[in-house]
Amino acid sequence: MVFGLNKEIMMLIKQLKLMVPNFVKKFILRCRYHMRARKFTGSQYFCTVCEHQLGSFISLTEICNGKFIKDVDVNGTLHTVDGYETANVDSFLCPVCGSQDKARLFALFLNQKLGEIGQRERITLVHFAPEGGLSQFLKWDQRLNYRSADLFRDDVDDQVDLTNMKIYKDKSIDAFICSHILEHILDDKAAVSELYRALKVGGWGIVMVPILMTIDQTYEDITKVSDAERLKHFGQEDHVRIYAKSDFLNLLMGAGFFVKQLGQDHFGKDVFEKNGLSKTNIIYVVEKR
């Protein structure tokens, strides 16, 4: 009975939340962010997601209690976290909104891209496996018909398998964000093909994976099935490969996408430093032409 009552209360709270206007939710979230930001006063850095000035970001060392993400064993050679293309160890996490460095990079691009949209125009953007801070950043943007999507989570708008997205018709999506998902999927070609199918001509998307700059060929081994093996060889228990840059680009272009690589040269050195981004950070933007 107690469990049932708790479940009913949770359902009621969820329904009440849906009734609250978005502008009220946004105001409450902003107030929470402002309260948190007081603990991290300073002006050296800026988070593009929550739009707060900060004295510092949280390092990956702090998050991992002094230990980095496990080095990966690629064909008998160890590669460290410093070898990944988009990973800033020293300024990894925003202490206010919890956004990682890659999300701050996305926000830089999205601020530019959404600025091109007319005031009366709205586009449909699907955010796969949405990150909390970035999701909040996007869901109340009046220029977007924002949809969150995931295969397993029940707190999203759409539950969908990226390799078979029947829920989305051909050429029905204007834009998407697919960040750090493909390394979890055995058939990554099918997933990329589905993204291309669902995207409208003229549409665009952000596609990101962990890219190890110290390898020349994508490393995957279907015999590595245990958590311990995948942690050792791919860096995380639910990863099935580590991408080499050239192979990742070929994967995207092979599906038909035109690929843009935007980094420090595009956004500016000062902007990168202000946002706690390293000079090797790259965002991959795909277009369907």
C-alpha atoms as a PDB file:
ATOM      1  CA  MET A   1       0.000   0.000   0.000  1.00  0.00           C
ATOM      2  CA  VAL A   2       2.771   2.436   0.872  1.00  0.00           C
ATOM      3  CA  PHE A   3       4.545   1.712  -2.412  1.00  0.00           C
ATOM      4  CA  GLY A   4       1.297   2.218  -4.349  1.00  0.00           C
ATOM      5  CA  LEU A   5       0.604   5.493  -2.572  1.00  0.00           C
ATOM      6  CA  ASN A   6       4.101   6.762  -3.285  1.00  0.00           C
ATOM      7  CA  LYS A   7       3.676   5.860  -6.950  1.00  0.00           C
ATOM      8  CA  GLU A   8       0.355   7.740  -7.117  1.00  0.00           C
ATOM      9  CA  ILE A   9       1.917  10.782  -5.492  1.00  0.00           C
ATOM     10  CA  MET A  10       4.808  10.707  -7.972  1.00  0.00           C
ATOM     11  CA  MET A  11       2.368  10.490 -10.889  1.00  0.00           C
ATOM     12  CA  LEU A  12       0.408  13.451  -9.490  1.00  0.00           C
ATOM     13  CA  ILE A  13       3.591  15.514  -9.116  1.00  0.00           C
ATOM     14  CA  LYS A  14       4.549  14.635 -12.707  1.00  0.00           C
ATOM     15  CA  GLN A  15       1.124  15.768 -13.966  1.00  0.00           C
ATOM     16  CA  LEU A  16       1.335  19.006 -11.995  1.00  0.00           C
ATOM     17  CA  LYS A  17       4.763  19.728 -13.490  1.00  0.00           C
ATOM     18  CA  LEU A  18       3.297  19.381 -16.978  1.00  0.00           C
ATOM     19  CA  MET A  19       0.714  22.030 -16.096  1.00  0.00           C
ATOM     20  CA  VAL A  20       3.328  24.617 -15.125  1.00  0.00           C
ATOM     21  CA  PRO A  21       4.017  27.064 -18.000  1.00  0.00           C
ATOM     22  CA  ASN A  22       7.476  26.808 -19.518  1.00  0.00           C
ATOM     23  CA  PHE A  23       8.393  30.394 -18.696  1.00  0.00           C
ATOM     24  CA  VAL A  24       7.757  29.653 -14.998  1.00  0.00           C
ATOM     25  CA  LYS A  25       9.929  26.521 -15.142  1.00  0.00           C
ATOM     26  CA  LYS A  26      12.667  28.511 -16.833  1.00  0.00           C
ATOM     27  CA  PHE A  27      12.475  31.238 -14.172  1.00  0.00           C
ATOM     28  CA  ILE A  28      12.730  28.675 -11.347  1.00  0.00           C
ATOM     29  CA  LEU A  29      15.703  26.993 -13.024  1.00  0.00           C
ATOM     30  CA  ARG A  30      17.436  30.346 -13.486  1.00  0.00           C
ATOM     31  CA  CYS A  31      16.956  31.116  -9.793  1.00  0.00           C
ATOM     32  CA  ARG A  32      18.539  27.779  -8.865  1.00  0.00           C
ATOM     33  CA  TYR A  33      21.461  28.447 -11.175  1.00  0.00           C
ATOM     34  CA  HIS A  34      22.005  31.907  -9.683  1.00  0.00           C
ATOM     35  CA  MET A  35      22.072  30.448  -6.175  1.00  0.00           C
ATOM     36  CA  ARG A  36      24.665  27.856  -7.167  1.00  0.00           C
ATOM     37  CA  ALA A  37      26.759  30.413  -9.072  1.00  0.00           C
ATOM     38  CA  ARG A  38      27.345  32.410  -5.869  1.00  0.00           C
ATOM     39  CA  LYS A  39      29.667  29.654  -4.676  1.00  0.00           C
ATOM     40  CA  PHE A  40      31.834  29.904  -7.807  1.00  0.00           C
ATOM     41  CA  THR A  41      32.278  33.640  -8.204  1.00  0.00           C
ATOM     42  CA  GLY A  42      34.788  34.910 -10.720  1.00  0.00           C
ATOM     43  CA  SER A  43      35.049  36.152 -14.271  1.00  0.00           C
ATOM     44  CA  GLN A  44      37.827  34.092 -15.789  1.00  0.00           C
ATOM     45  CA  TYR A  45      35.437  31.605 -17.386  1.00  0.00           C
ATOM     46  CA  PHE A  46      31.956  31.572 -18.888  1.00  0.00           C
ATOM     47  CA  CYS A  47      29.527  28.696 -19.428  1.00  0.00           C
ATOM     48  CA  THR A  48      27.585  29.092 -22.665  1.00  0.00           C
ATOM     49  CA  VAL A  49      24.923  26.647 -21.456  1.00  0.00           C
ATOM     50  CA  CYS A  50      23.769  28.308 -18.214  1.00  0.00           C
ATOM     51  CA  GLU A  51      25.299  31.693 -19.153  1.00  0.00           C
ATOM     52  CA  HIS A  52      27.169  32.278 -15.897  1.00  0.00           C
ATOM     53  CA  GLN A  53      30.553  33.831 -15.210  1.00  0.00           C
ATOM     54  CA  LEU A  54      32.757  31.481 -13.197  1.00  0.00           C
ATOM     55  CA  GLY A  55      36.047  31.501 -11.369  1.00  0.00           C
ATOM     56  CA  SER A  56      36.715  27.912 -12.388  1.00  0.00           C
ATOM     57  CA  PHE A  57      35.271  24.745 -13.830  1.00  0.00           C
ATOM     58  CA  ILE A  58      35.457  21.323 -12.153  1.00  0.00           C
ATOM     59  CA  SER A  59      38.318  19.157 -13.370  1.00  0.00           C
ATOM     60  CA  LEU A  60      37.996  15.536 -14.416  1.00  0.00           C
ATOM     61  CA  THR A  61      40.479  14.696 -11.670  1.00  0.00           C
ATOM     62  CA  GLU A  62      38.073  16.004  -9.022  1.00  0.00           C
ATOM     63  CA  ILE A  63      35.145  14.054 -10.464  1.00  0.00           C
ATOM     64  CA  CYS A  64      37.126  10.821 -10.551  1.00  0.00           C
ATOM     65  CA  ASN A  65      38.482  11.355  -7.005  1.00  0.00           C
ATOM     66  CA  GLY A  66      42.005  11.855  -8.232  1.00  0.00           C
ATOM     67  CA  LYS A  67      41.885   9.031 -10.773  1.00  0.00           C
ATOM     68  CA  PHE A  68      41.440   9.539 -14.491  1.00  0.00           C
ATOM     69  CA  ILE A  69      39.222   7.474 -16.713  1.00  0.00           C
ATOM     70  CA  LYS A  70      40.952   4.152 -17.215  1.00  0.00           C
ATOM     71  CA  ASP A  71      43.639   4.065 -19.895  1.00  0.00           C
ATOM     72  CA  VAL A  72      42.573   1.986 -22.873  1.00  0.00           C
ATOM     73  CA  ASP A  73      44.483  -0.978 -24.251  1.00  0.00           C
ATOM     74  CA  VAL A  74      44.452  -0.862 -28.056  1.00  0.00           C
ATOM     75  CA  ASN A  75      46.234  -3.888 -29.468  1.00  0.00           C
ATOM     76  CA  GLY A  76      48.584  -4.008 -26.494  1.00  0.00           C
ATOM     77  CA  THR A  77      49.361  -0.268 -26.406  1.00  0.00           C
ATOM     78  CA  LEU A  78      48.001   1.932 -23.612  1.00  0.00           C
ATOM     79  CA  HIS A  79      46.418   5.277 -24.538  1.00  0.00           C
ATOM     80  CA  THR A  80      45.547   7.932 -21.943  1.00  0.00           C
ATOM     81  CA  VAL A  81      42.639  10.336 -21.657  1.00  0.00           C
ATOM     82  CA  ASP A  82      44.888  13.093 -23.013  1.00  0.00           C
ATOM     83  CA  GLY A  83      44.771  11.357 -26.382  1.00  0.00           C
ATOM     84  CA  TYR A  84      41.077  12.083 -26.925  1.00  0.00           C
ATOM     85  CA  GLU A  85      40.235  14.906 -29.305  1.00  0.00           C
ATOM     86  CA  THR A  86      37.434  16.610 -27.355  1.00  0.00           C
ATOM     87  CA  ALA A  87      38.195  16.307 -23.663  1.00  0.00           C
ATOM     88  CA  ASN A  88      39.403  19.075 -21.394  1.00  0.00           C
ATOM     89  CA  VAL A  89      40.717  17.480 -18.220  1.00  0.00           C
ATOM     90  CA  ASP A  90      41.244  20.731 -16.300  1.00  0.00           C
ATOM     91  CA  SER A  91      37.934  22.439 -17.166  1.00  0.00           C
ATOM     92  CA  PHE A  92      35.641  19.497 -17.644  1.00  0.00           C
ATOM     93  CA  LEU A  93      32.372  20.290 -15.845  1.00  0.00           C
ATOM     94  CA  CYS A  94      30.370  23.451 -15.140  1.00  0.00           C
ATOM     95  CA  PRO A  95      29.691  23.615 -11.364  1.00  0.00           C
ATOM     96  CA  VAL A  96      26.413  25.469 -11.916  1.00  0.00           C
ATOM     97  CA  CYS A  97      24.524  23.503 -14.605  1.00  0.00           C
ATOM     98  CA  GLY A  98      26.664  20.368 -14.793  1.00  0.00           C
ATOM     99  CA  SER A  99      27.443  20.750 -18.498  1.00  0.00           C
ATOM    100  CA  GLN A 100      30.548  19.026 -19.811  1.00  0.00           C
ATOM    101  CA  ASP A 101      33.036  20.757 -22.072  1.00  0.00           C
ATOM    102  CA  LYS A 102      31.466  19.195 -25.177  1.00  0.00           C
ATOM    103  CA  ALA A 103      28.041  20.628 -24.249  1.00  0.00           C
ATOM    104  CA  ARG A 104      29.566  24.107 -23.935  1.00  0.00           C
ATOM    105  CA  LEU A 105      31.041  23.617 -27.396  1.00  0.00           C
ATOM    106  CA  PHE A 106      27.611  22.593 -28.718  1.00  0.00           C
ATOM    107  CA  ALA A 107      26.053  25.719 -27.202  1.00  0.00           C
ATOM    108  CA  LEU A 108      28.614  27.903 -28.965  1.00  0.00           C
ATOM    109  CA  PHE A 109      27.589  26.404 -32.300  1.00  0.00           C
ATOM    110  CA  LEU A 110      23.849  26.387 -31.521  1.00  0.00           C
ATOM    111  CA  ASN A 111      23.877  30.062 -30.561  1.00  0.00           C
ATOM    112  CA  GLN A 112      25.315  30.821 -33.984  1.00  0.00           C
ATOM    113  CA  LYS A 113      23.105  28.411 -35.918  1.00  0.00           C
ATOM    114  CA  LEU A 114      19.823  29.284 -34.225  1.00  0.00           C
ATOM    115  CA  GLY A 115      20.629  32.944 -34.703  1.00  0.00           C
ATOM    116  CA  GLU A 116      20.121  32.337 -38.434  1.00  0.00           C
ATOM    117  CA  ILE A 117      16.501  31.267 -37.883  1.00  0.00           C
ATOM    118  CA  GLY A 118      13.785  33.855 -38.517  1.00  0.00           C
ATOM    119  CA  GLN A 119      11.677  35.062 -35.591  1.00  0.00           C
ATOM    120  CA  ARG A 120       8.535  33.320 -36.864  1.00  0.00           C
ATOM    121  CA  GLU A 121      10.252  30.145 -37.991  1.00  0.00           C
ATOM    122  CA  ARG A 122      10.383  27.003 -35.839  1.00  0.00           C
ATOM    123  CA  ILE A 123      12.417  23.915 -36.558  1.00  0.00           C
ATOM    124  CA  THR A 124      12.110  20.382 -35.193  1.00  0.00           C
ATOM    125  CA  LEU A 125      15.250  19.341 -33.319  1.00  0.00           C
ATOM    126  CA  VAL A 126      15.608  15.837 -31.883  1.00  0.00           C
ATOM    127  CA  HIS A 127      18.093  15.472 -29.031  1.00  0.00           C
ATOM    128  CA  PHE A 128      19.176  11.853 -28.574  1.00  0.00           C
ATOM    129  CA  ALA A 129      20.318  10.759 -25.085  1.00  0.00           C
ATOM    130  CA  PRO A 130      19.867  14.361 -23.877  1.00  0.00           C
ATOM    131  CA  GLU A 131      22.328  15.847 -21.386  1.00  0.00           C
ATOM    132  CA  GLY A 132      20.582  17.688 -18.553  1.00  0.00           C
ATOM    133  CA  GLY A 133      22.087  21.163 -18.826  1.00  0.00           C
ATOM    134  CA  LEU A 134      22.029  21.303 -22.615  1.00  0.00           C
ATOM    135  CA  SER A 135      18.496  19.912 -22.716  1.00  0.00           C
ATOM    136  CA  GLN A 136      17.293  22.723 -20.432  1.00  0.00           C
ATOM    137  CA  PHE A 137      19.179  25.186 -22.627  1.00  0.00           C
ATOM    138  CA  LEU A 138      17.235  24.035 -25.700  1.00  0.00           C
ATOM    139  CA  LYS A 139      13.767  22.956 -24.580  1.00  0.00           C
ATOM    140  CA  TRP A 140      12.516  26.474 -23.886  1.00  0.00           C
ATOM    141  CA  ASP A 141      13.953  28.040 -27.031  1.00  0.00           C
ATOM    142  CA  GLN A 142      10.957  29.401 -28.929  1.00  0.00           C
ATOM    143  CA  ARG A 143      12.670  28.737 -32.256  1.00  0.00           C
ATOM    144  CA  LEU A 144      12.615  24.993 -31.614  1.00  0.00           C
ATOM    145  CA  ASN A 145      10.097  22.221 -31.584  1.00  0.00           C
ATOM    146  CA  TYR A 146      12.336  20.295 -29.195  1.00  0.00           C
ATOM    147  CA  ARG A 147      12.074  16.514 -28.856  1.00  0.00           C
ATOM    148  CA  SER A 148      14.184  14.443 -26.465  1.00  0.00           C
ATOM    149  CA  ALA A 149      14.751  10.800 -27.403  1.00  0.00           C
ATOM    150  CA  ASP A 150      16.339   7.690 -25.906  1.00  0.00           C
ATOM    151  CA  LEU A 151      15.967   3.929 -26.133  1.00  0.00           C
ATOM    152  CA  PHE A 152      15.810   3.142 -22.417  1.00  0.00           C
ATOM    153  CA  ARG A 153      14.909   6.302 -20.486  1.00  0.00           C
ATOM    154  CA  ASP A 154      11.299   7.089 -19.593  1.00  0.00           C
ATOM    155  CA  ASP A 155      11.869  10.821 -19.020  1.00  0.00           C
ATOM    156  CA  VAL A 156      12.068  11.638 -22.739  1.00  0.00           C
ATOM    157  CA  ASP A 157       9.509  12.598 -25.377  1.00  0.00           C
ATOM    158  CA  ASP A 158      10.297   9.677 -27.687  1.00  0.00           C
ATOM    159  CA  GLN A 159      11.576   6.197 -26.907  1.00  0.00           C
ATOM    160  CA  VAL A 160      13.410   5.123 -30.018  1.00  0.00           C
ATOM    161  CA  ASP A 161      16.060   2.698 -31.267  1.00  0.00           C
ATOM    162  CA  LEU A 162      18.605   4.721 -33.237  1.00  0.00           C
ATOM    163  CA  THR A 163      19.177   1.836 -35.653  1.00  0.00           C
ATOM    164  CA  ASN A 164      15.467   1.570 -36.526  1.00  0.00           C
ATOM    165  CA  MET A 165      13.649   4.852 -36.009  1.00  0.00           C
ATOM    166  CA  LYS A 166      10.202   3.995 -37.347  1.00  0.00           C
ATOM    167  CA  ILE A 167       8.740   6.755 -35.203  1.00  0.00           C
ATOM    168  CA  TYR A 168      10.284   9.375 -37.538  1.00  0.00           C
ATOM    169  CA  LYS A 169       9.177   9.529 -41.170  1.00  0.00           C
ATOM    170  CA  ASP A 170      11.574  10.113 -44.040  1.00  0.00           C
ATOM    171  CA  LYS A 171      12.842  13.706 -44.181  1.00  0.00           C
ATOM    172  CA  SER A 172      10.816  14.737 -41.119  1.00  0.00           C
ATOM    173  CA  ILE A 173      13.524  16.238 -38.870  1.00  0.00           C
ATOM    174  CA  ASP A 174      15.155  19.644 -39.341  1.00  0.00           C
ATOM    175  CA  ALA A 175      18.050  19.041 -36.948  1.00  0.00           C
ATOM    176  CA  PHE A 176      19.394  16.591 -34.385  1.00  0.00           C
ATOM    177  CA  ILE A 177      22.043  16.104 -31.725  1.00  0.00           C
ATOM    178  CA  CYS A 178      23.604  12.643 -31.469  1.00  0.00           C
ATOM    179  CA  SER A 179      26.482  12.865 -29.003  1.00  0.00           C
ATOM    180  CA  HIS A 180      28.478   9.906 -27.683  1.00  0.00           C
ATOM    181  CA  ILE A 181      25.943   7.265 -28.645  1.00  0.00           C
ATOM    182  CA  LEU A 182      27.428   5.489 -31.655  1.00  0.00           C
ATOM    183  CA  GLU A 183      30.245   3.954 -29.598  1.00  0.00           C
ATOM    184  CA  HIS A 184      27.530   2.059 -27.683  1.00  0.00           C
ATOM    185  CA  ILE A 185      25.926   0.598 -30.819  1.00  0.00           C
ATOM    186  CA  LEU A 186      27.175  -2.513 -32.600  1.00  0.00           C
ATOM    187  CA  ASP A 187      25.682  -1.499 -35.963  1.00  0.00           C
ATOM    188  CA  ASP A 188      26.763   2.138 -36.072  1.00  0.00           C
ATOM    189  CA  LYS A 189      26.335   2.240 -39.859  1.00  0.00           C
ATOM    190  CA  ALA A 190      22.630   1.477 -39.492  1.00  0.00           C
ATOM    191  CA  ALA A 191      22.284   4.248 -36.918  1.00  0.00           C
ATOM    192  CA  VAL A 192      23.981   6.850 -39.105  1.00  0.00           C
ATOM    193  CA  SER A 193      21.913   5.712 -42.082  1.00  0.00           C
ATOM    194  CA  GLU A 194      18.725   6.232 -40.064  1.00  0.00           C
ATOM    195  CA  LEU A 195      19.813   9.728 -39.058  1.00  0.00           C
ATOM    196  CA  TYR A 196      20.376  10.562 -42.725  1.00  0.00           C
ATOM    197  CA  ARG A 197      16.993   9.104 -43.741  1.00  0.00           C
ATOM    198  CA  ALA A 198      15.025  11.049 -41.145  1.00  0.00           C
ATOM    199  CA  LEU A 199      16.779  14.367 -41.780  1.00  0.00           C
ATOM    200  CA  LYS A 200      15.254  16.827 -44.222  1.00  0.00           C
ATOM    201  CA  VAL A 201      17.206  18.013 -47.233  1.00  0.00           C
ATOM    202  CA  GLY A 202      18.918  21.169 -46.009  1.00  0.00           C
ATOM    203  CA  GLY A 203      18.853  19.882 -42.445  1.00  0.00           C
ATOM    204  CA  TRP A 204      21.820  19.580 -40.105  1.00  0.00           C
ATOM    205  CA  GLY A 205      22.975  17.683 -37.063  1.00  0.00           C
ATOM    206  CA  ILE A 206      25.708  17.369 -34.465  1.00  0.00           C
ATOM    207  CA  VAL A 207      27.359  13.947 -34.315  1.00  0.00           C
ATOM    208  CA  MET A 208      30.056  13.256 -31.730  1.00  0.00           C
ATOM    209  CA  VAL A 209      31.964  10.177 -30.560  1.00  0.00           C
ATOM    210  CA  PRO A 210      35.115   9.666 -28.477  1.00  0.00           C
ATOM    211  CA  ILE A 211      37.932  10.048 -31.009  1.00  0.00           C
ATOM    212  CA  LEU A 212      41.370   8.830 -29.977  1.00  0.00           C
ATOM    213  CA  MET A 213      43.908  10.906 -31.883  1.00  0.00           C
ATOM    214  CA  THR A 214      46.721   8.441 -31.138  1.00  0.00           C
ATOM    215  CA  ILE A 215      45.283   5.641 -33.303  1.00  0.00           C
ATOM    216  CA  ASP A 216      45.031   5.431 -37.096  1.00  0.00           C
ATOM    217  CA  GLN A 217      42.286   2.826 -37.295  1.00  0.00           C
ATOM    218  CA  THR A 218      39.050   2.396 -35.348  1.00  0.00           C
ATOM    219  CA  TYR A 219      39.487  -0.299 -32.713  1.00  0.00           C
ATOM    220  CA  GLU A 220      36.675  -2.778 -32.107  1.00  0.00           C
ATOM    221  CA  ASP A 221      36.562  -6.425 -31.126  1.00  0.00           C
ATOM    222  CA  ILE A 222      33.227  -8.263 -30.880  1.00  0.00           C
ATOM    223  CA  THR A 223      34.830 -10.908 -28.635  1.00  0.00           C
ATOM    224  CA  LYS A 224      35.143  -8.309 -25.845  1.00  0.00           C
ATOM    225  CA  VAL A 225      31.768  -8.749 -24.170  1.00  0.00           C
ATOM    226  CA  SER A 226      32.313  -8.545 -20.417  1.00  0.00           C
ATOM    227  CA  ASP A 227      32.258  -5.251 -18.520  1.00  0.00           C
ATOM    228  CA  ALA A 228      35.876  -5.710 -17.475  1.00  0.00           C
ATOM    229  CA  GLU A 229      37.041  -6.349 -21.051  1.00  0.00           C
ATOM    230  CA  ARG A 230      35.170  -3.394 -22.489  1.00  0.00           C
ATOM    231  CA  LEU A 231      36.428  -1.090 -19.748  1.00  0.00           C
ATOM    232  CA  LYS A 232      39.997  -2.172 -20.443  1.00  0.00           C
ATOM    233  CA  HIS A 233      39.839  -1.945 -24.226  1.00  0.00           C
ATOM    234  CA  PHE A 234      37.200   0.720 -24.959  1.00  0.00           C
ATOM    235  CA  GLY A 235      37.290   2.880 -21.821  1.00  0.00           C
ATOM    236  CA  GLN A 236      33.760   2.196 -20.600  1.00  0.00           C
ATOM    237  CA  GLU A 237      31.760  -0.932 -19.758  1.00  0.00           C
ATOM    238  CA  ASP A 238      29.085  -0.285 -22.378  1.00  0.00           C
ATOM    239  CA  HIS A 239      31.327   0.881 -25.233  1.00  0.00           C
ATOM    240  CA  VAL A 240      31.990  -1.424 -28.169  1.00  0.00           C
ATOM    241  CA  ARG A 241      34.697   0.530 -30.024  1.00  0.00           C
ATOM    242  CA  ILE A 242      37.052   3.497 -30.052  1.00  0.00           C
ATOM    243  CA  TYR A 243      37.030   5.661 -33.156  1.00  0.00           C
ATOM    244  CA  ALA A 244      39.924   6.882 -35.236  1.00  0.00           C
ATOM    245  CA  LYS A 245      39.225  10.264 -36.804  1.00  0.00           C
ATOM    246  CA  SER A 246      39.474   9.200 -40.452  1.00  0.00           C
ATOM    247  CA  ASP A 247      37.162   6.225 -39.954  1.00  0.00           C
ATOM    248  CA  PHE A 248      34.592   8.378 -38.164  1.00  0.00           C
ATOM    249  CA  LEU A 249      34.553  10.853 -41.034  1.00  0.00           C
ATOM    250  CA  ASN A 250      34.206   8.010 -43.542  1.00  0.00           C
ATOM    251  CA  LEU A 251      31.277   6.621 -41.529  1.00  0.00           C
ATOM    252  CA  LEU A 252      29.409   9.918 -41.767  1.00  0.00           C
ATOM    253  CA  MET A 253      30.250  10.647 -45.392  1.00  0.00           C
ATOM    254  CA  GLY A 254      29.473   7.056 -46.362  1.00  0.00           C
ATOM    255  CA  ALA A 255      25.864   7.620 -45.285  1.00  0.00           C
ATOM    256  CA  GLY A 256      25.650  10.674 -47.541  1.00  0.00           C
ATOM    257  CA  PHE A 257      26.377  13.482 -45.086  1.00  0.00           C
ATOM    258  CA  PHE A 258      28.480  16.537 -45.841  1.00  0.00           C
ATOM    259  CA  VAL A 259      30.697  17.057 -42.786  1.00  0.00           C
ATOM    260  CA  LYS A 260      32.010  20.271 -41.250  1.00  0.00           C
ATOM    261  CA  GLN A 261      34.686  20.294 -38.540  1.00  0.00           C
ATOM    262  CA  LEU A 262      34.482  23.419 -36.403  1.00  0.00           C
ATOM    263  CA  GLY A 263      37.082  24.213 -33.789  1.00  0.00           C
ATOM    264  CA  GLN A 264      39.165  27.009 -32.362  1.00  0.00           C
ATOM    265  CA  ASP A 265      39.850  28.517 -35.789  1.00  0.00           C
ATOM    266  CA  HIS A 266      36.088  28.914 -36.315  1.00  0.00           C
ATOM    267  CA  PHE A 267      35.030  30.198 -32.888  1.00  0.00           C
ATOM    268  CA  GLY A 268      38.198  32.030 -31.885  1.00  0.00           C
ATOM    269  CA  LYS A 269      41.023  31.344 -29.424  1.00  0.00           C
ATOM    270  CA  ASP A 270      39.710  33.805 -26.820  1.00  0.00           C
ATOM    271  CA  VAL A 271      36.210  32.281 -26.942  1.00  0.00           C
ATOM    272  CA  PHE A 272      37.631  28.793 -26.473  1.00  0.00           C
ATOM    273  CA  GLU A 273      39.738  29.848 -23.496  1.00  0.00           C
ATOM    274  CA  LYS A 274      36.817  31.703 -21.907  1.00  0.00           C
ATOM    275  CA  ASN A 275      34.638  28.591 -22.182  1.00  0.00           C
ATOM    276  CA  GLY A 276      37.274  26.242 -20.805  1.00  0.00           C
ATOM    277  CA  LEU A 277      37.784  24.434 -24.112  1.00  0.00           C
ATOM    278  CA  SER A 278      41.073  22.986 -25.298  1.00  0.00           C
ATOM    279  CA  LYS A 279      42.553  23.878 -28.669  1.00  0.00           C
ATOM    280  CA  THR A 280      41.917  20.335 -29.960  1.00  0.00           C
ATOM    281  CA  ASN A 281      38.154  20.456 -29.320  1.00  0.00           C
ATOM    282  CA  ILE A 282      36.199  19.845 -32.545  1.00  0.00           C
ATOM    283  CA  ILE A 283      32.453  19.765 -33.177  1.00  0.00           C
ATOM    284  CA  TYR A 284      31.295  17.651 -36.121  1.00  0.00           C
ATOM    285  CA  VAL A 285      28.329  19.184 -37.935  1.00  0.00           C
ATOM    286  CA  VAL A 286      26.658  17.122 -40.641  1.00  0.00           C
ATOM    287  CA  GLU A 287      24.413  18.427 -43.401  1.00  0.00           C
ATOM    288  CA  LYS A 288      22.067  16.736 -45.842  1.00  0.00           C
ATOM    289  CA  ARG A 289      22.401  18.484 -49.189  1.00  0.00           C
END
